[in-house]
Amino acid sequence: VESGGGLVQAEDSLRLSCAASGRTLST
């Protein structure tokens, strides 16, 4: 599940996250 998107202006910053469930991400 991704999150963190949105509407920003040029030169701005955003951080997207991707949360995993069901299995350990290290796989």
mmCIF file of all heavy atoms, coordinates in Angstrom:
data_MODEL
# 
_entry.id   MODEL 
# 
loop_
_atom_site.group_PDB 
_atom_site.id 
_atom_site.type_symbol 
_atom_site.label_atom_id 
_atom_site.label_alt_id 
_atom_site.label_comp_id 
_atom_site.label_asym_id 
_atom_site.label_entity_id 
_atom_site.label_seq_id 
_atom_site.pdbx_PDB_ins_code 
_atom_site.Cartn_x 
_atom_site.Cartn_y 
_atom_site.Cartn_z 
_atom_site.occupancy 
_atom_site.B_iso_or_equiv 
_atom_site.pdbx_formal_charge 
_atom_site.auth_seq_id 
_atom_site.auth_comp_id 
_atom_site.auth_asym_id 
_atom_site.auth_atom_id 
_atom_site.pdbx_PDB_model_num 
ATOM 1   N N   . VAL A 1 1  ? 0.849  -1.185  0.000  1.00 0.00 ? 1  VAL A N   1 
ATOM 2   C CA  . VAL A 1 1  ? 0.000  0.000   0.000  1.00 0.00 ? 1  VAL A CA  1 
ATOM 3   C C   . VAL A 1 1  ? 0.885  1.236   0.000  1.00 0.00 ? 1  VAL A C   1 
ATOM 4   O O   . VAL A 1 1  ? 1.654  1.461   0.948  1.00 0.00 ? 1  VAL A O   1 
ATOM 5   C CB  . VAL A 1 1  ? -0.941 0.025   1.214  1.00 0.00 ? 1  VAL A CB  1 
ATOM 6   C CG1 . VAL A 1 1  ? -1.769 1.311   1.203  1.00 0.00 ? 1  VAL A CG1 1 
ATOM 7   C CG2 . VAL A 1 1  ? -1.839 -1.199  1.218  1.00 0.00 ? 1  VAL A CG2 1 
ATOM 8   N N   . GLU A 1 2  ? 0.758  2.038   -1.062 1.00 0.00 ? 2  GLU A N   1 
ATOM 9   C CA  . GLU A 1 2  ? 1.524  3.275   -1.153 1.00 0.00 ? 2  GLU A CA  1 
ATOM 10  C C   . GLU A 1 2  ? 0.765  4.428   -0.507 1.00 0.00 ? 2  GLU A C   1 
ATOM 11  O O   . GLU A 1 2  ? -0.465 4.427   -0.478 1.00 0.00 ? 2  GLU A O   1 
ATOM 12  C CB  . GLU A 1 2  ? 1.795  3.653   -2.614 1.00 0.00 ? 2  GLU A CB  1 
ATOM 13  C CG  . GLU A 1 2  ? 2.533  2.621   -3.434 1.00 0.00 ? 2  GLU A CG  1 
ATOM 14  C CD  . GLU A 1 2  ? 1.601  1.713   -4.214 1.00 0.00 ? 2  GLU A CD  1 
ATOM 15  O OE1 . GLU A 1 2  ? 0.425  1.587   -3.792 1.00 0.00 ? 2  GLU A OE1 1 
ATOM 16  O OE2 . GLU A 1 2  ? 2.020  1.141   -5.221 1.00 0.00 ? 2  GLU A OE2 1 
ATOM 17  N N   . SER A 1 3  ? 1.506  5.402   -0.032 1.00 0.00 ? 3  SER A N   1 
ATOM 18  C CA  . SER A 1 3  ? 0.907  6.619   0.516  1.00 0.00 ? 3  SER A CA  1 
ATOM 19  C C   . SER A 1 3  ? 1.914  7.752   0.365  1.00 0.00 ? 3  SER A C   1 
ATOM 20  O O   . SER A 1 3  ? 3.089  7.525   0.089  1.00 0.00 ? 3  SER A O   1 
ATOM 21  C CB  . SER A 1 3  ? 0.523  6.426   1.982  1.00 0.00 ? 3  SER A CB  1 
ATOM 22  O OG  . SER A 1 3  ? 1.665  6.145   2.765  1.00 0.00 ? 3  SER A OG  1 
ATOM 23  N N   . GLY A 1 4  ? 1.416  8.977   0.568  1.00 0.00 ? 4  GLY A N   1 
ATOM 24  C CA  . GLY A 1 4  ? 2.308  10.133  0.562  1.00 0.00 ? 4  GLY A CA  1 
ATOM 25  C C   . GLY A 1 4  ? 2.241  10.985  -0.685 1.00 0.00 ? 4  GLY A C   1 
ATOM 26  O O   . GLY A 1 4  ? 2.900  12.030  -0.748 1.00 0.00 ? 4  GLY A O   1 
ATOM 27  N N   . GLY A 1 5  ? 1.469  10.564  -1.670 1.00 0.00 ? 5  GLY A N   1 
ATOM 28  C CA  . GLY A 1 5  ? 1.351  11.368  -2.873 1.00 0.00 ? 5  GLY A CA  1 
ATOM 29  C C   . GLY A 1 5  ? 0.538  12.624  -2.619 1.00 0.00 ? 5  GLY A C   1 
ATOM 30  O O   . GLY A 1 5  ? -0.050 12.811  -1.554 1.00 0.00 ? 5  GLY A O   1 
ATOM 31  N N   . GLY A 1 6  ? 0.519  13.500  -3.627 1.00 0.00 ? 6  GLY A N   1 
ATOM 32  C CA  . GLY A 1 6  ? -0.254 14.724  -3.492 1.00 0.00 ? 6  GLY A CA  1 
ATOM 33  C C   . GLY A 1 6  ? 0.089  15.721  -4.571 1.00 0.00 ? 6  GLY A C   1 
ATOM 34  O O   . GLY A 1 6  ? 0.799  15.413  -5.535 1.00 0.00 ? 6  GLY A O   1 
ATOM 35  N N   . LEU A 1 7  ? -0.410 16.926  -4.381 1.00 0.00 ? 7  LEU A N   1 
ATOM 36  C CA  . LEU A 1 7  ? -0.175 18.037  -5.306 1.00 0.00 ? 7  LEU A CA  1 
ATOM 37  C C   . LEU A 1 7  ? 0.849  18.975  -4.691 1.00 0.00 ? 7  LEU A C   1 
ATOM 38  O O   . LEU A 1 7  ? 0.640  19.474  -3.571 1.00 0.00 ? 7  LEU A O   1 
ATOM 39  C CB  . LEU A 1 7  ? -1.490 18.773  -5.576 1.00 0.00 ? 7  LEU A CB  1 
ATOM 40  C CG  . LEU A 1 7  ? -1.392 20.069  -6.380 1.00 0.00 ? 7  LEU A CG  1 
ATOM 41  C CD1 . LEU A 1 7  ? -0.855 19.810  -7.777 1.00 0.00 ? 7  LEU A CD1 1 
ATOM 42  C CD2 . LEU A 1 7  ? -2.751 20.749  -6.437 1.00 0.00 ? 7  LEU A CD2 1 
ATOM 43  N N   . VAL A 1 8  ? 1.945  19.194  -5.401 1.00 0.00 ? 8  VAL A N   1 
ATOM 44  C CA  . VAL A 1 8  ? 2.994  20.080  -4.911 1.00 0.00 ? 8  VAL A CA  1 
ATOM 45  C C   . VAL A 1 8  ? 3.435  20.995  -6.039 1.00 0.00 ? 8  VAL A C   1 
ATOM 46  O O   . VAL A 1 8  ? 3.079  20.797  -7.198 1.00 0.00 ? 8  VAL A O   1 
ATOM 47  C CB  . VAL A 1 8  ? 4.205  19.301  -4.376 1.00 0.00 ? 8  VAL A CB  1 
ATOM 48  C CG1 . VAL A 1 8  ? 3.818  18.463  -3.162 1.00 0.00 ? 8  VAL A CG1 1 
ATOM 49  C CG2 . VAL A 1 8  ? 4.817  18.435  -5.457 1.00 0.00 ? 8  VAL A CG2 1 
ATOM 50  N N   . GLN A 1 9  ? 4.239  21.982  -5.678 1.00 0.00 ? 9  GLN A N   1 
ATOM 51  C CA  . GLN A 1 9  ? 4.790  22.887  -6.673 1.00 0.00 ? 9  GLN A CA  1 
ATOM 52  C C   . GLN A 1 9  ? 6.199  22.435  -7.063 1.00 0.00 ? 9  GLN A C   1 
ATOM 53  O O   . GLN A 1 9  ? 6.857  21.680  -6.333 1.00 0.00 ? 9  GLN A O   1 
ATOM 54  C CB  . GLN A 1 9  ? 4.835  24.306  -6.131 1.00 0.00 ? 9  GLN A CB  1 
ATOM 55  C CG  . GLN A 1 9  ? 3.459  24.909  -5.890 1.00 0.00 ? 9  GLN A CG  1 
ATOM 56  C CD  . GLN A 1 9  ? 3.520  26.370  -5.493 1.00 0.00 ? 9  GLN A CD  1 
ATOM 57  O OE1 . GLN A 1 9  ? 4.499  26.823  -4.917 1.00 0.00 ? 9  GLN A OE1 1 
ATOM 58  N NE2 . GLN A 1 9  ? 2.473  27.113  -5.819 1.00 0.00 ? 9  GLN A NE2 1 
ATOM 59  N N   . ALA A 1 10 ? 6.643  22.902  -8.217 1.00 0.00 ? 10 ALA A N   1 
ATOM 60  C CA  . ALA A 1 10 ? 7.998  22.586  -8.671 1.00 0.00 ? 10 ALA A CA  1 
ATOM 61  C C   . ALA A 1 10 ? 9.015  22.990  -7.606 1.00 0.00 ? 10 ALA A C   1 
ATOM 62  O O   . ALA A 1 10 ? 8.849  24.008  -6.928 1.00 0.00 ? 10 ALA A O   1 
ATOM 63  C CB  . ALA A 1 10 ? 8.283  23.298  -9.982 1.00 0.00 ? 10 ALA A CB  1 
ATOM 64  N N   . GLU A 1 11 ? 10.018 22.169  -7.451 1.00 0.00 ? 11 GLU A N   1 
ATOM 65  C CA  . GLU A 1 11 ? 11.113 22.318  -6.478 1.00 0.00 ? 11 GLU A CA  1 
ATOM 66  C C   . GLU A 1 11 ? 10.729 21.871  -5.063 1.00 0.00 ? 11 GLU A C   1 
ATOM 67  O O   . GLU A 1 11 ? 11.592 21.838  -4.183 1.00 0.00 ? 11 GLU A O   1 
ATOM 68  C CB  . GLU A 1 11 ? 11.655 23.739  -6.437 1.00 0.00 ? 11 GLU A CB  1 
ATOM 69  C CG  . GLU A 1 11 ? 12.305 24.174  -7.729 1.00 0.00 ? 11 GLU A CG  1 
ATOM 70  C CD  . GLU A 1 11 ? 13.438 23.245  -8.163 1.00 0.00 ? 11 GLU A CD  1 
ATOM 71  O OE1 . GLU A 1 11 ? 14.272 22.861  -7.319 1.00 0.00 ? 11 GLU A OE1 1 
ATOM 72  O OE2 . GLU A 1 11 ? 13.474 22.859  -9.359 1.00 0.00 ? 11 GLU A OE2 1 
ATOM 73  N N   . ASP A 1 12 ? 9.481  21.494  -4.844 1.00 0.00 ? 12 ASP A N   1 
ATOM 74  C CA  . ASP A 1 12 ? 9.071  20.953  -3.548 1.00 0.00 ? 12 ASP A CA  1 
ATOM 75  C C   . ASP A 1 12 ? 9.574  19.525  -3.390 1.00 0.00 ? 12 ASP A C   1 
ATOM 76  O O   . ASP A 1 12 ? 10.108 18.921  -4.324 1.00 0.00 ? 12 ASP A O   1 
ATOM 77  C CB  . ASP A 1 12 ? 7.549  20.990  -3.407 1.00 0.00 ? 12 ASP A CB  1 
ATOM 78  C CG  . ASP A 1 12 ? 7.030  22.365  -3.059 1.00 0.00 ? 12 ASP A CG  1 
ATOM 79  O OD1 . ASP A 1 12 ? 7.846  23.266  -2.775 1.00 0.00 ? 12 ASP A OD1 1 
ATOM 80  O OD2 . ASP A 1 12 ? 5.794  22.556  -3.074 1.00 0.00 ? 12 ASP A OD2 1 
ATOM 81  N N   . SER A 1 13 ? 9.344  18.992  -2.186 1.00 0.00 ? 13 SER A N   1 
ATOM 82  C CA  . SER A 1 13 ? 9.722  17.618  -1.882 1.00 0.00 ? 13 SER A CA  1 
ATOM 83  C C   . SER A 1 13 ? 8.509  16.831  -1.410 1.00 0.00 ? 13 SER A C   1 
ATOM 84  O O   . SER A 1 13 ? 7.545  17.394  -0.874 1.00 0.00 ? 13 SER A O   1 
ATOM 85  C CB  . SER A 1 13 ? 10.801 17.586  -0.786 1.00 0.00 ? 13 SER A CB  1 
ATOM 86  O OG  . SER A 1 13 ? 11.981 18.220  -1.210 1.00 0.00 ? 13 SER A OG  1 
ATOM 87  N N   . LEU A 1 14 ? 8.571  15.526  -1.615 1.00 0.00 ? 14 LEU A N   1 
ATOM 88  C CA  . LEU A 1 14 ? 7.573  14.590  -1.102 1.00 0.00 ? 14 LEU A CA  1 
ATOM 89  C C   . LEU A 1 14 ? 8.289  13.318  -0.692 1.00 0.00 ? 14 LEU A C   1 
ATOM 90  O O   . LEU A 1 14 ? 9.318  12.965  -1.278 1.00 0.00 ? 14 LEU A O   1 
ATOM 91  C CB  . LEU A 1 14 ? 6.536  14.236  -2.171 1.00 0.00 ? 14 LEU A CB  1 
ATOM 92  C CG  . LEU A 1 14 ? 5.322  15.108  -2.399 1.00 0.00 ? 14 LEU A CG  1 
ATOM 93  C CD1 . LEU A 1 14 ? 4.502  14.547  -3.553 1.00 0.00 ? 14 LEU A CD1 1 
ATOM 94  C CD2 . LEU A 1 14 ? 4.476  15.226  -1.150 1.00 0.00 ? 14 LEU A CD2 1 
ATOM 95  N N   . ARG A 1 15 ? 7.707  12.626  0.278  1.00 0.00 ? 15 ARG A N   1 
ATOM 96  C CA  . ARG A 1 15 ? 8.222  11.295  0.615  1.00 0.00 ? 15 ARG A CA  1 
ATOM 97  C C   . ARG A 1 15 ? 7.083  10.299  0.491  1.00 0.00 ? 15 ARG A C   1 
ATOM 98  O O   . ARG A 1 15 ? 6.064  10.409  1.183  1.00 0.00 ? 15 ARG A O   1 
ATOM 99  C CB  . ARG A 1 15 ? 8.809  11.235  2.026  1.00 0.00 ? 15 ARG A CB  1 
ATOM 100 C CG  . ARG A 1 15 ? 9.498  9.895   2.280  1.00 0.00 ? 15 ARG A CG  1 
ATOM 101 C CD  . ARG A 1 15 ? 10.193 9.813   3.619  1.00 0.00 ? 15 ARG A CD  1 
ATOM 102 N NE  . ARG A 1 15 ? 9.270  9.505   4.707  1.00 0.00 ? 15 ARG A NE  1 
ATOM 103 C CZ  . ARG A 1 15 ? 9.629  8.932   5.845  1.00 0.00 ? 15 ARG A CZ  1 
ATOM 104 N NH1 . ARG A 1 15 ? 10.910 8.595   6.039  1.00 0.00 ? 15 ARG A NH1 1 
ATOM 105 N NH2 . ARG A 1 15 ? 8.741  8.711   6.792  1.00 0.00 ? 15 ARG A NH2 1 
ATOM 106 N N   . LEU A 1 16 ? 7.264  9.364   -0.384 1.00 0.00 ? 16 LEU A N   1 
ATOM 107 C CA  . LEU A 1 16 ? 6.305  8.282   -0.539 1.00 0.00 ? 16 LEU A CA  1 
ATOM 108 C C   . LEU A 1 16 ? 6.690  7.117   0.365  1.00 0.00 ? 16 LEU A C   1 
ATOM 109 O O   . LEU A 1 16 ? 7.873  6.862   0.578  1.00 0.00 ? 16 LEU A O   1 
ATOM 110 C CB  . LEU A 1 16 ? 6.264  7.797   -1.991 1.00 0.00 ? 16 LEU A CB  1 
ATOM 111 C CG  . LEU A 1 16 ? 5.969  8.851   -3.062 1.00 0.00 ? 16 LEU A CG  1 
ATOM 112 C CD1 . LEU A 1 16 ? 5.871  8.172   -4.425 1.00 0.00 ? 16 LEU A CD1 1 
ATOM 113 C CD2 . LEU A 1 16 ? 4.721  9.630   -2.742 1.00 0.00 ? 16 LEU A CD2 1 
ATOM 114 N N   . SER A 1 17 ? 5.671  6.421   0.845  1.00 0.00 ? 17 SER A N   1 
ATOM 115 C CA  . SER A 1 17 ? 5.877  5.222   1.652  1.00 0.00 ? 17 SER A CA  1 
ATOM 116 C C   . SER A 1 17 ? 5.151  4.055   1.004  1.00 0.00 ? 17 SER A C   1 
ATOM 117 O O   . SER A 1 17 ? 4.111  4.238   0.372  1.00 0.00 ? 17 SER A O   1 
ATOM 118 C CB  . SER A 1 17 ? 5.351  5.416   3.073  1.00 0.00 ? 17 SER A CB  1 
ATOM 119 O OG  . SER A 1 17 ? 6.032  6.462   3.732  1.00 0.00 ? 17 SER A OG  1 
ATOM 120 N N   . CYS A 1 18 ? 5.700  2.889   1.189  1.00 0.00 ? 18 CYS A N   1 
ATOM 121 C CA  . CYS A 1 18 ? 5.078  1.663   0.711  1.00 0.00 ? 18 CYS A CA  1 
ATOM 122 C C   . CYS A 1 18 ? 5.097  0.681   1.877  1.00 0.00 ? 18 CYS A C   1 
ATOM 123 O O   . CYS A 1 18 ? 6.163  0.169   2.244  1.00 0.00 ? 18 CYS A O   1 
ATOM 124 C CB  . CYS A 1 18 ? 5.838  1.111   -0.482 1.00 0.00 ? 18 CYS A CB  1 
ATOM 125 S SG  . CYS A 1 18 ? 5.283  -0.513  -1.051 1.00 0.00 ? 18 CYS A SG  1 
ATOM 126 N N   . ALA A 1 19 ? 3.934  0.440   2.437  1.00 0.00 ? 19 ALA A N   1 
ATOM 127 C CA  . ALA A 1 19 ? 3.812  -0.457  3.581  1.00 0.00 ? 19 ALA A CA  1 
ATOM 128 C C   . ALA A 1 19 ? 3.452  -1.852  3.102  1.00 0.00 ? 19 ALA A C   1 
ATOM 129 O O   . ALA A 1 19 ? 2.513  -2.022  2.308  1.00 0.00 ? 19 ALA A O   1 
ATOM 130 C CB  . ALA A 1 19 ? 2.763  0.057   4.548  1.00 0.00 ? 19 ALA A CB  1 
ATOM 131 N N   . ALA A 1 20 ? 4.175  -2.834  3.592  1.00 0.00 ? 20 ALA A N   1 
ATOM 132 C CA  . ALA A 1 20 ? 3.949  -4.217  3.202  1.00 0.00 ? 20 ALA A CA  1 
ATOM 133 C C   . ALA A 1 20 ? 3.301  -5.000  4.337  1.00 0.00 ? 20 ALA A C   1 
ATOM 134 O O   . ALA A 1 20 ? 3.608  -4.774  5.509  1.00 0.00 ? 20 ALA A O   1 
ATOM 135 C CB  . ALA A 1 20 ? 5.268  -4.866  2.811  1.00 0.00 ? 20 ALA A CB  1 
ATOM 136 N N   . SER A 1 21 ? 2.432  -5.919  3.963  1.00 0.00 ? 21 SER A N   1 
ATOM 137 C CA  . SER A 1 21 ? 1.816  -6.806  4.942  1.00 0.00 ? 21 SER A CA  1 
ATOM 138 C C   . SER A 1 21 ? 1.692  -8.194  4.337  1.00 0.00 ? 21 SER A C   1 
ATOM 139 O O   . SER A 1 21 ? 1.737  -8.364  3.123  1.00 0.00 ? 21 SER A O   1 
ATOM 140 C CB  . SER A 1 21 ? 0.449  -6.290  5.373  1.00 0.00 ? 21 SER A CB  1 
ATOM 141 O OG  . SER A 1 21 ? -0.425 -6.227  4.260  1.00 0.00 ? 21 SER A OG  1 
ATOM 142 N N   . GLY A 1 22 ? 1.553  -9.175  5.203  1.00 0.00 ? 22 GLY A N   1 
ATOM 143 C CA  . GLY A 1 22 ? 1.367  -10.536 4.726  1.00 0.00 ? 22 GLY A CA  1 
ATOM 144 C C   . GLY A 1 22 ? 2.639  -11.361 4.743  1.00 0.00 ? 22 GLY A C   1 
ATOM 145 O O   . GLY A 1 22 ? 2.590  -12.552 5.015  1.00 0.00 ? 22 GLY A O   1 
ATOM 146 N N   . ARG A 1 23 ? 3.753  -10.763 4.421  1.00 0.00 ? 23 ARG A N   1 
ATOM 147 C CA  . ARG A 1 23 ? 5.046  -11.438 4.454  1.00 0.00 ? 23 ARG A CA  1 
ATOM 148 C C   . ARG A 1 23 ? 6.094  -10.429 4.898  1.00 0.00 ? 23 ARG A C   1 
ATOM 149 O O   . ARG A 1 23 ? 5.941  -9.226  4.715  1.00 0.00 ? 23 ARG A O   1 
ATOM 150 C CB  . ARG A 1 23 ? 5.429  -11.977 3.067  1.00 0.00 ? 23 ARG A CB  1 
ATOM 151 C CG  . ARG A 1 23 ? 4.563  -13.111 2.550  1.00 0.00 ? 23 ARG A CG  1 
ATOM 152 C CD  . ARG A 1 23 ? 4.939  -14.440 3.174  1.00 0.00 ? 23 ARG A CD  1 
ATOM 153 N NE  . ARG A 1 23 ? 6.300  -14.842 2.902  1.00 0.00 ? 23 ARG A NE  1 
ATOM 154 C CZ  . ARG A 1 23 ? 6.685  -15.521 1.829  1.00 0.00 ? 23 ARG A CZ  1 
ATOM 155 N NH1 . ARG A 1 23 ? 5.806  -15.851 0.910  1.00 0.00 ? 23 ARG A NH1 1 
ATOM 156 N NH2 . ARG A 1 23 ? 7.941  -15.867 1.667  1.00 0.00 ? 23 ARG A NH2 1 
ATOM 157 N N   . THR A 1 24 ? 7.180  -10.921 5.462  1.00 0.00 ? 24 THR A N   1 
ATOM 158 C CA  . THR A 1 24 ? 8.226  -10.010 5.886  1.00 0.00 ? 24 THR A CA  1 
ATOM 159 C C   . THR A 1 24 ? 8.914  -9.389  4.672  1.00 0.00 ? 24 THR A C   1 
ATOM 160 O O   . THR A 1 24 ? 9.223  -10.080 3.695  1.00 0.00 ? 24 THR A O   1 
ATOM 161 C CB  . THR A 1 24 ? 9.249  -10.739 6.776  1.00 0.00 ? 24 THR A CB  1 
ATOM 162 O OG1 . THR A 1 24 ? 10.285 -9.828  7.131  1.00 0.00 ? 24 THR A OG1 1 
ATOM 163 C CG2 . THR A 1 24 ? 9.853  -11.931 6.051  1.00 0.00 ? 24 THR A CG2 1 
ATOM 164 N N   . LEU A 1 25 ? 9.135  -8.102  4.739  1.00 0.00 ? 25 LEU A N   1 
ATOM 165 C CA  . LEU A 1 25 ? 9.647  -7.361  3.591  1.00 0.00 ? 25 LEU A CA  1 
ATOM 166 C C   . LEU A 1 25 ? 11.063 -7.778  3.209  1.00 0.00 ? 25 LEU A C   1 
ATOM 167 O O   . LEU A 1 25 ? 11.459 -7.655  2.051  1.00 0.00 ? 25 LEU A O   1 
ATOM 168 C CB  . LEU A 1 25 ? 9.615  -5.862  3.893  1.00 0.00 ? 25 LEU A CB  1 
ATOM 169 C CG  . LEU A 1 25 ? 9.749  -4.942  2.693  1.00 0.00 ? 25 LEU A CG  1 
ATOM 170 C CD1 . LEU A 1 25 ? 8.582  -5.118  1.741  1.00 0.00 ? 25 LEU A CD1 1 
ATOM 171 C CD2 . LEU A 1 25 ? 9.851  -3.496  3.158  1.00 0.00 ? 25 LEU A CD2 1 
ATOM 172 N N   . SER A 1 26 ? 11.822 -8.294  4.159  1.00 0.00 ? 26 SER A N   1 
ATOM 173 C CA  . SER A 1 26 ? 13.209 -8.649  3.882  1.00 0.00 ? 26 SER A CA  1 
ATOM 174 C C   . SER A 1 26 ? 13.344 -9.783  2.874  1.00 0.00 ? 26 SER A C   1 
ATOM 175 O O   . SER A 1 26 ? 14.433 -10.062 2.385  1.00 0.00 ? 26 SER A O   1 
ATOM 176 C CB  . SER A 1 26 ? 13.929 -9.027  5.176  1.00 0.00 ? 26 SER A CB  1 
ATOM 177 O OG  . SER A 1 26 ? 13.284 -10.122 5.790  1.00 0.00 ? 26 SER A OG  1 
ATOM 178 N N   . THR A 1 27 ? 12.241 -10.428 2.543  1.00 0.00 ? 27 THR A N   1 
ATOM 179 C CA  . THR A 1 27 ? 12.247 -11.490 1.544  1.00 0.00 ? 27 THR A CA  1 
ATOM 180 C C   . THR A 1 27 ? 12.318 -10.931 0.122  1.00 0.00 ? 27 THR A C   1 
ATOM 181 O O   . THR A 1 27 ? 12.673 -11.650 -0.814 1.00 0.00 ? 27 THR A O   1 
ATOM 182 C CB  . THR A 1 27 ? 10.967 -12.335 1.681  1.00 0.00 ? 27 THR A CB  1 
ATOM 183 O OG1 . THR A 1 27 ? 10.853 -12.805 3.016  1.00 0.00 ? 27 THR A OG1 1 
ATOM 184 C CG2 . THR A 1 27 ? 10.961 -13.518 0.727  1.00 0.00 ? 27 THR A CG2 1 
# 
